[in-house]
C-alpha atoms as a PDB file:
ATOM      1  CA  MET A   1      10.679 -49.878  -1.434  1.00  0.00           C
ATOM      2  CA  LYS A   2      11.074 -47.592   1.580  1.00  0.00           C
ATOM      3  CA  LYS A   3      12.880 -44.993  -0.525  1.00  0.00           C
ATOM      4  CA  VAL A   4      10.182 -45.185  -3.201  1.00  0.00           C
ATOM      5  CA  PHE A   5       7.471 -44.726  -0.558  1.00  0.00           C
ATOM      6  CA  LEU A   6       9.211 -41.732   1.041  1.00  0.00           C
ATOM      7  CA  THR A   7       9.787 -40.167  -2.371  1.00  0.00           C
ATOM      8  CA  SER A   8       6.111 -40.627  -3.262  1.00  0.00           C
ATOM      9  CA  VAL A   9       4.983 -39.056   0.016  1.00  0.00           C
ATOM     10  CA  LEU A  10       7.342 -36.108  -0.510  1.00  0.00           C
ATOM     11  CA  LEU A  11       6.099 -35.541  -4.069  1.00  0.00           C
ATOM     12  CA  MET A  12       2.476 -35.735  -2.921  1.00  0.00           C
ATOM     13  CA  THR A  13       3.181 -33.254  -0.110  1.00  0.00           C
ATOM     14  CA  LEU A  14       4.927 -30.815  -2.439  1.00  0.00           C
ATOM     15  CA  GLY A  15       2.135 -31.149  -4.966  1.00  0.00           C
ATOM     16  CA  SER A  16      -0.469 -30.440  -2.301  1.00  0.00           C
ATOM     17  CA  ALA A  17       1.417 -27.406  -1.015  1.00  0.00           C
ATOM     18  CA  PHE A  18       1.958 -26.116  -4.565  1.00  0.00           C
ATOM     19  CA  SER A  19      -1.767 -26.286  -5.282  1.00  0.00           C
ATOM     20  CA  GLN A  20      -2.403 -24.083  -2.244  1.00  0.00           C
ATOM     21  CA  ILE A  21      -0.375 -21.137  -3.515  1.00  0.00           C
ATOM     22  CA  GLY A  22      -1.914 -18.291  -5.482  1.00  0.00           C
ATOM     23  CA  VAL A  23      -0.542 -15.228  -7.249  1.00  0.00           C
ATOM     24  CA  GLY A  24      -2.400 -12.217  -8.549  1.00  0.00           C
ATOM     25  CA  ALA A  25      -2.697  -8.485  -8.970  1.00  0.00           C
ATOM     26  CA  GLN A  26      -4.924  -5.719  -7.635  1.00  0.00           C
ATOM     27  CA  LEU A  27      -6.070  -2.161  -8.210  1.00  0.00           C
ATOM     28  CA  ASN A  28      -6.056  -0.109  -5.016  1.00  0.00           C
ATOM     29  CA  TYR A  29      -7.401   3.235  -3.808  1.00  0.00           C
ATOM     30  CA  MET A  30      -6.294   4.931  -0.564  1.00  0.00           C
ATOM     31  CA  ARG A  31      -7.816   8.004   1.059  1.00  0.00           C
ATOM     32  CA  PHE A  32      -5.718   9.546   3.835  1.00  0.00           C
ATOM     33  CA  GLY A  33      -7.187  11.358   6.821  1.00  0.00           C
ATOM     34  CA  GLY A  34      -5.476  13.634   9.325  1.00  0.00           C
ATOM     35  CA  GLY A  35      -6.440  16.777   7.435  1.00  0.00           C
ATOM     36  CA  THR A  36      -4.432  15.797   4.341  1.00  0.00           C
ATOM     37  CA  ASP A  37      -7.448  14.809   2.209  1.00  0.00           C
ATOM     38  CA  LEU A  38      -5.126  13.029  -0.230  1.00  0.00           C
ATOM     39  CA  GLY A  39      -6.240  10.142  -2.420  1.00  0.00           C
ATOM     40  CA  PHE A  40      -3.961   7.728  -4.266  1.00  0.00           C
ATOM     41  CA  ILE A  41      -4.563   5.073  -6.896  1.00  0.00           C
ATOM     42  CA  GLY A  42      -2.249   2.100  -6.593  1.00  0.00           C
ATOM     43  CA  LEU A  43      -1.290  -1.012  -8.545  1.00  0.00           C
ATOM     44  CA  GLY A  44       0.024  -4.109  -6.865  1.00  0.00           C
ATOM     45  CA  VAL A  45       0.765  -7.804  -6.788  1.00  0.00           C
ATOM     46  CA  ASN A  46      -0.223 -10.418  -4.219  1.00  0.00           C
ATOM     47  CA  GLY A  47       0.729 -13.916  -3.183  1.00  0.00           C
ATOM     48  CA  THR A  48      -1.494 -16.246  -1.137  1.00  0.00           C
ATOM     49  CA  TYR A  49      -0.763 -19.349   0.902  1.00  0.00           C
ATOM     50  CA  VAL A  50      -3.708 -21.376   2.167  1.00  0.00           C
ATOM     51  CA  VAL A  51      -3.343 -22.473   5.813  1.00  0.00           C
ATOM     52  CA  ASN A  52      -6.647 -24.319   5.541  1.00  0.00           C
ATOM     53  CA  GLU A  53      -9.658 -24.016   3.254  1.00  0.00           C
ATOM     54  CA  SER A  54     -11.172 -21.079   5.142  1.00  0.00           C
ATOM     55  CA  ILE A  55      -8.013 -19.208   6.245  1.00  0.00           C
ATOM     56  CA  PRO A  56      -5.647 -18.003   3.482  1.00  0.00           C
ATOM     57  CA  VAL A  57      -2.647 -15.793   4.341  1.00  0.00           C
ATOM     58  CA  ARG A  58      -1.767 -13.098   1.825  1.00  0.00           C
ATOM     59  CA  LEU A  59       1.255 -10.914   1.097  1.00  0.00           C
ATOM     60  CA  SER A  60       0.527  -7.774  -0.949  1.00  0.00           C
ATOM     61  CA  ILE A  61       2.917  -5.207  -2.392  1.00  0.00           C
ATOM     62  CA  ASN A  62       1.257  -2.057  -3.672  1.00  0.00           C
ATOM     63  CA  PHE A  63       2.754   0.896  -5.562  1.00  0.00           C
ATOM     64  CA  GLY A  64       0.852   4.171  -5.276  1.00  0.00           C
ATOM     65  CA  LEU A  65       0.904   6.162  -8.490  1.00  0.00           C
ATOM     66  CA  PRO A  66       2.800   9.449  -7.907  1.00  0.00           C
ATOM     67  CA  LYS A  67       0.662  12.474  -7.148  1.00  0.00           C
ATOM     68  CA  THR A  68       1.932  15.973  -8.001  1.00  0.00           C
ATOM     69  CA  THR A  69       0.631  19.144  -6.341  1.00  0.00           C
ATOM     70  CA  GLU A  70       1.572  22.695  -7.350  1.00  0.00           C
ATOM     71  CA  PHE A  71       2.080  25.429  -4.730  1.00  0.00           C
ATOM     72  CA  SER A  72       2.664  29.194  -4.988  1.00  0.00           C
ATOM     73  CA  VAL A  73       5.215  30.886  -2.713  1.00  0.00           C
ATOM     74  CA  THR A  74       6.276  34.505  -2.214  1.00  0.00           C
ATOM     75  CA  ALA A  75      10.028  35.202  -2.190  1.00  0.00           C
ATOM     76  CA  SER A  76      11.402  38.374  -0.564  1.00  0.00           C
ATOM     77  CA  ALA A  77      14.262  40.379  -2.048  1.00  0.00           C
ATOM     78  CA  LEU A  78      17.721  39.864  -0.558  1.00  0.00           C
ATOM     79  CA  ASP A  79      18.286  43.635  -0.249  1.00  0.00           C
ATOM     80  CA  ASN A  80      16.066  46.712  -0.120  1.00  0.00           C
ATOM     81  CA  THR A  81      17.243  48.122  -3.460  1.00  0.00           C
ATOM     82  CA  THR A  82      15.772  45.263  -5.498  1.00  0.00           C
ATOM     83  CA  VAL A  83      12.641  46.045  -7.459  1.00  0.00           C
ATOM     84  CA  PRO A  84      10.181  44.513  -6.941  1.00  0.00           C
ATOM     85  CA  GLN A  85      10.693  43.662  -3.281  1.00  0.00           C
ATOM     86  CA  SER A  86       8.915  40.325  -3.666  1.00  0.00           C
ATOM     87  CA  VAL A  87       8.003  37.873  -6.401  1.00  0.00           C
ATOM     88  CA  THR A  88       5.787  34.806  -6.563  1.00  0.00           C
ATOM     89  CA  TYR A  89       7.106  31.513  -7.833  1.00  0.00           C
ATOM     90  CA  THR A  90       5.733  27.980  -7.940  1.00  0.00           C
ATOM     91  CA  TYR A  91       7.052  24.588  -6.899  1.00  0.00           C
ATOM     92  CA  ASN A  92       5.749  21.079  -7.431  1.00  0.00           C
ATOM     93  CA  GLU A  93       5.712  18.392  -4.760  1.00  0.00           C
ATOM     94  CA  LYS A  94       5.542  14.808  -6.047  1.00  0.00           C
ATOM     95  CA  ILE A  95       4.483  12.159  -3.528  1.00  0.00           C
ATOM     96  CA  SER A  96       4.866   8.432  -4.123  1.00  0.00           C
ATOM     97  CA  LEU A  97       3.714   5.502  -1.971  1.00  0.00           C
ATOM     98  CA  LEU A  98       4.791   1.929  -1.339  1.00  0.00           C
ATOM     99  CA  ASN A  99       2.686  -0.444   0.783  1.00  0.00           C
ATOM    100  CA  VAL A 100       3.582  -3.912   2.043  1.00  0.00           C
ATOM    101  CA  TRP A 101       0.825  -5.869   3.835  1.00  0.00           C
ATOM    102  CA  ILE A 102       0.583  -9.301   5.419  1.00  0.00           C
ATOM    103  CA  ASP A 103      -3.034 -10.312   6.012  1.00  0.00           C
ATOM    104  CA  ALA A 104      -5.044 -13.277   7.198  1.00  0.00           C
ATOM    105  CA  GLN A 105      -8.461 -13.869   5.631  1.00  0.00           C
ATOM    106  CA  LYS A 106     -11.281 -15.727   7.345  1.00  0.00           C
ATOM    107  CA  TYR A 107     -14.226 -16.886   5.257  1.00  0.00           C
ATOM    108  CA  PHE A 108     -17.685 -16.814   6.815  1.00  0.00           C
ATOM    109  CA  GLY A 109     -20.262 -19.570   6.490  1.00  0.00           C
ATOM    110  CA  ASP A 110     -19.546 -22.072   3.732  1.00  0.00           C
ATOM    111  CA  GLY A 111     -17.008 -19.859   1.933  1.00  0.00           C
ATOM    112  CA  ASP A 112     -13.536 -21.145   1.111  1.00  0.00           C
ATOM    113  CA  TYR A 113     -10.495 -20.156  -0.917  1.00  0.00           C
ATOM    114  CA  GLU A 114     -11.621 -22.019  -4.058  1.00  0.00           C
ATOM    115  CA  ASP A 115     -15.331 -21.171  -4.255  1.00  0.00           C
ATOM    116  CA  GLY A 116     -15.023 -17.739  -2.624  1.00  0.00           C
ATOM    117  CA  GLY A 117     -17.543 -15.987  -0.409  1.00  0.00           C
ATOM    118  CA  LEU A 118     -17.722 -13.286   2.239  1.00  0.00           C
ATOM    119  CA  TYR A 119     -14.599 -12.884   4.366  1.00  0.00           C
ATOM    120  CA  GLY A 120     -12.998 -10.714   6.999  1.00  0.00           C
ATOM    121  CA  LEU A 121      -9.398  -9.556   6.743  1.00  0.00           C
ATOM    122  CA  LEU A 122      -6.955  -8.562   9.482  1.00  0.00           C
ATOM    123  CA  GLY A 123      -3.325  -7.696   8.943  1.00  0.00           C
ATOM    124  CA  ILE A 124      -0.272  -5.569   9.560  1.00  0.00           C
ATOM    125  CA  GLY A 125       1.470  -3.380   7.030  1.00  0.00           C
ATOM    126  CA  TYR A 126       4.130  -0.808   6.334  1.00  0.00           C
ATOM    127  CA  THR A 127       3.584   2.299   4.222  1.00  0.00           C
ATOM    128  CA  SER A 128       6.498   4.303   2.855  1.00  0.00           C
ATOM    129  CA  SER A 129       5.973   7.760   1.378  1.00  0.00           C
ATOM    130  CA  GLY A 130       8.528   9.751  -0.585  1.00  0.00           C
ATOM    131  CA  SER A 131       8.413  13.460  -1.456  1.00  0.00           C
ATOM    132  CA  SER A 132      10.442  15.165  -4.165  1.00  0.00           C
ATOM    133  CA  PHE A 133      10.365  18.827  -5.196  1.00  0.00           C
ATOM    134  CA  GLU A 134      10.798  20.818  -8.388  1.00  0.00           C
ATOM    135  CA  VAL A 135      11.133  24.606  -8.036  1.00  0.00           C
ATOM    136  CA  GLY A 136       9.933  26.929 -10.788  1.00  0.00           C
ATOM    137  CA  THR A 137      11.890  29.791 -12.345  1.00  0.00           C
ATOM    138  CA  VAL A 138      13.110  32.390  -9.812  1.00  0.00           C
ATOM    139  CA  ASP A 139      16.295  34.456  -9.548  1.00  0.00           C
ATOM    140  CA  ARG A 140      18.066  32.995  -6.513  1.00  0.00           C
ATOM    141  CA  THR A 141      20.747  35.717  -6.656  1.00  0.00           C
ATOM    142  CA  ARG A 142      18.157  38.417  -5.935  1.00  0.00           C
ATOM    143  CA  TYR A 143      15.447  36.664  -3.923  1.00  0.00           C
ATOM    144  CA  GLN A 144      15.379  34.441  -0.881  1.00  0.00           C
ATOM    145  CA  VAL A 145      14.174  31.019  -1.991  1.00  0.00           C
ATOM    146  CA  PHE A 146      13.384  28.244   0.441  1.00  0.00           C
ATOM    147  CA  GLU A 147      15.545  25.165  -0.130  1.00  0.00           C
ATOM    148  CA  PHE A 148      13.423  22.034  -0.410  1.00  0.00           C
ATOM    149  CA  GLU A 149      14.873  18.638   0.472  1.00  0.00           C
ATOM    150  CA  ASP A 150      13.586  15.342  -0.844  1.00  0.00           C
ATOM    151  CA  SER A 151      12.487  13.040   1.960  1.00  0.00           C
ATOM    152  CA  ARG A 152      10.958   9.645   2.738  1.00  0.00           C
ATOM    153  CA  VAL A 153       9.032   8.532   5.809  1.00  0.00           C
ATOM    154  CA  GLY A 154       7.529   5.215   6.853  1.00  0.00           C
ATOM    155  CA  GLN A 155       4.655   4.112   9.048  1.00  0.00           C
ATOM    156  CA  LEU A 156       3.539   0.791  10.526  1.00  0.00           C
ATOM    157  CA  GLY A 157      -0.187   0.160  10.654  1.00  0.00           C
ATOM    158  CA  LEU A 158      -2.896  -2.363  11.445  1.00  0.00           C
ATOM    159  CA  ARG A 159      -5.679  -2.884   8.968  1.00  0.00           C
ATOM    160  CA  GLY A 160      -9.008  -4.610   8.808  1.00  0.00           C
ATOM    161  CA  ALA A 161     -11.471  -5.091   5.969  1.00  0.00           C
ATOM    162  CA  ILE A 162     -14.550  -6.878   4.729  1.00  0.00           C
ATOM    163  CA  GLY A 163     -14.353  -8.493   1.312  1.00  0.00           C
ATOM    164  CA  TYR A 164     -15.997 -10.846  -1.114  1.00  0.00           C
ATOM    165  CA  ASP A 165     -14.480 -13.051  -3.767  1.00  0.00           C
ATOM    166  CA  VAL A 166     -15.858 -15.299  -6.468  1.00  0.00           C
ATOM    167  CA  GLY A 167     -14.255 -18.555  -7.560  1.00  0.00           C
ATOM    168  CA  LEU A 168     -13.991 -19.020 -11.333  1.00  0.00           C
ATOM    169  CA  ASP A 169     -12.373 -21.633 -13.549  1.00  0.00           C
ATOM    170  CA  PHE A 170      -9.086 -19.745 -13.756  1.00  0.00           C
ATOM    171  CA  GLY A 171      -8.961 -18.476 -10.157  1.00  0.00           C
ATOM    172  CA  ASN A 172     -10.727 -15.825  -8.064  1.00  0.00           C
ATOM    173  CA  ILE A 173     -11.760 -12.214  -8.432  1.00  0.00           C
ATOM    174  CA  PHE A 174     -12.162 -10.193  -5.246  1.00  0.00           C
ATOM    175  CA  ALA A 175     -13.121  -6.808  -3.840  1.00  0.00           C
ATOM    176  CA  GLU A 176     -12.681  -5.450  -0.319  1.00  0.00           C
ATOM    177  CA  ALA A 177     -12.879  -2.234   1.676  1.00  0.00           C
ATOM    178  CA  GLY A 178     -11.451  -1.324   5.053  1.00  0.00           C
ATOM    179  CA  ILE A 179      -9.268   0.949   7.165  1.00  0.00           C
ATOM    180  CA  ASN A 180      -5.539   1.094   7.876  1.00  0.00           C
ATOM    181  CA  ILE A 181      -4.870   2.500  11.364  1.00  0.00           C
ATOM    182  CA  SER A 182      -1.432   4.047  11.882  1.00  0.00           C
ATOM    183  CA  ALA A 183       0.436   2.613  14.876  1.00  0.00           C
ATOM    184  CA  ASN A 184       1.333   5.200  17.522  1.00  0.00           C
ATOM    185  CA  GLN A 185       3.056   2.792  19.921  1.00  0.00           C
ATOM    186  CA  GLN A 186       6.153   0.624  19.628  1.00  0.00           C
ATOM    187  CA  ASN A 187       7.434  -1.495  22.513  1.00  0.00           C
ATOM    188  CA  ASP A 188       4.876   0.181  24.817  1.00  0.00           C
ATOM    189  CA  GLN A 189       6.278   3.613  23.938  1.00  0.00           C
ATOM    190  CA  ILE A 190       4.337   6.437  22.264  1.00  0.00           C
ATOM    191  CA  VAL A 191       5.919   7.302  18.903  1.00  0.00           C
ATOM    192  CA  ALA A 192       5.272  10.000  16.331  1.00  0.00           C
ATOM    193  CA  VAL A 193       2.823   9.212  13.533  1.00  0.00           C
ATOM    194  CA  ASN A 194       4.561  10.014  10.252  1.00  0.00           C
ATOM    195  CA  LEU A 195       1.602   9.108   8.046  1.00  0.00           C
ATOM    196  CA  PRO A 196      -2.075   9.343   9.031  1.00  0.00           C
ATOM    197  CA  SER A 197      -4.570   6.492   8.956  1.00  0.00           C
ATOM    198  CA  PHE A 198      -6.384   5.875   5.682  1.00  0.00           C
ATOM    199  CA  LEU A 199      -9.396   4.170   4.159  1.00  0.00           C
ATOM    200  CA  PHE A 200      -8.763   1.781   1.302  1.00  0.00           C
ATOM    201  CA  GLY A 201     -10.474  -0.316  -1.303  1.00  0.00           C
ATOM    202  CA  ASN A 202      -9.013  -3.185  -3.356  1.00  0.00           C
ATOM    203  CA  ALA A 203     -10.223  -5.059  -6.409  1.00  0.00           C
ATOM    204  CA  GLY A 204      -8.170  -7.773  -7.997  1.00  0.00           C
ATOM    205  CA  VAL A 205      -7.642 -11.244  -9.336  1.00  0.00           C
ATOM    206  CA  ARG A 206      -5.903 -14.343  -7.999  1.00  0.00           C
ATOM    207  CA  PHE A 207      -4.668 -17.390  -9.940  1.00  0.00           C
ATOM    208  CA  TRP A 208      -4.111 -20.722  -8.198  1.00  0.00           C
ATOM    209  CA  LEU A 209      -0.961 -22.611  -9.170  1.00  0.00           C
ATOM    210  CA  ASP A 210      -1.675 -26.248  -9.950  1.00  0.00           C
END
């Protein structure tokens, strides 16, 4: 009887925990500051665990769609007998983004994770940005061409947002807007900011696993 009771309690506990897990997807837009004036559309997935009815914790992974920008550069001749002494060529820079966020939501008033409502969001995240280059046609034997190197940088950040979600039969739909502030300190030491702060907006859906 004791084993049956313990097994029943365990199954009830697992069932309760399972019902408090959600999975979903979101559409994201990020607008970077710091003089870059770059905007990215992103697609992502999210997973939610409900600590209590008014405080869900969410993990989001977001992939920024690559953005390609074309630049024009002047290349000088390698010797003074070359005609012309300079030519213009183009190169493309493709930038991609990956975001990972862990956030806590807090519903206001009578809102909760099932029925939805107005909520605040506070979290920490990591943004990784990769750059790759494609150089246009230019005679490297006659002109001095800058050698581009692919690179990737990362940046920790704190973010906060205000959002609203609506509970439906199948789950929730949500929308939120906020700011991601790049961290410039680690272990009480000032560090370089590889990526500037950015504004963001999310809209998505969440399904609760029963």
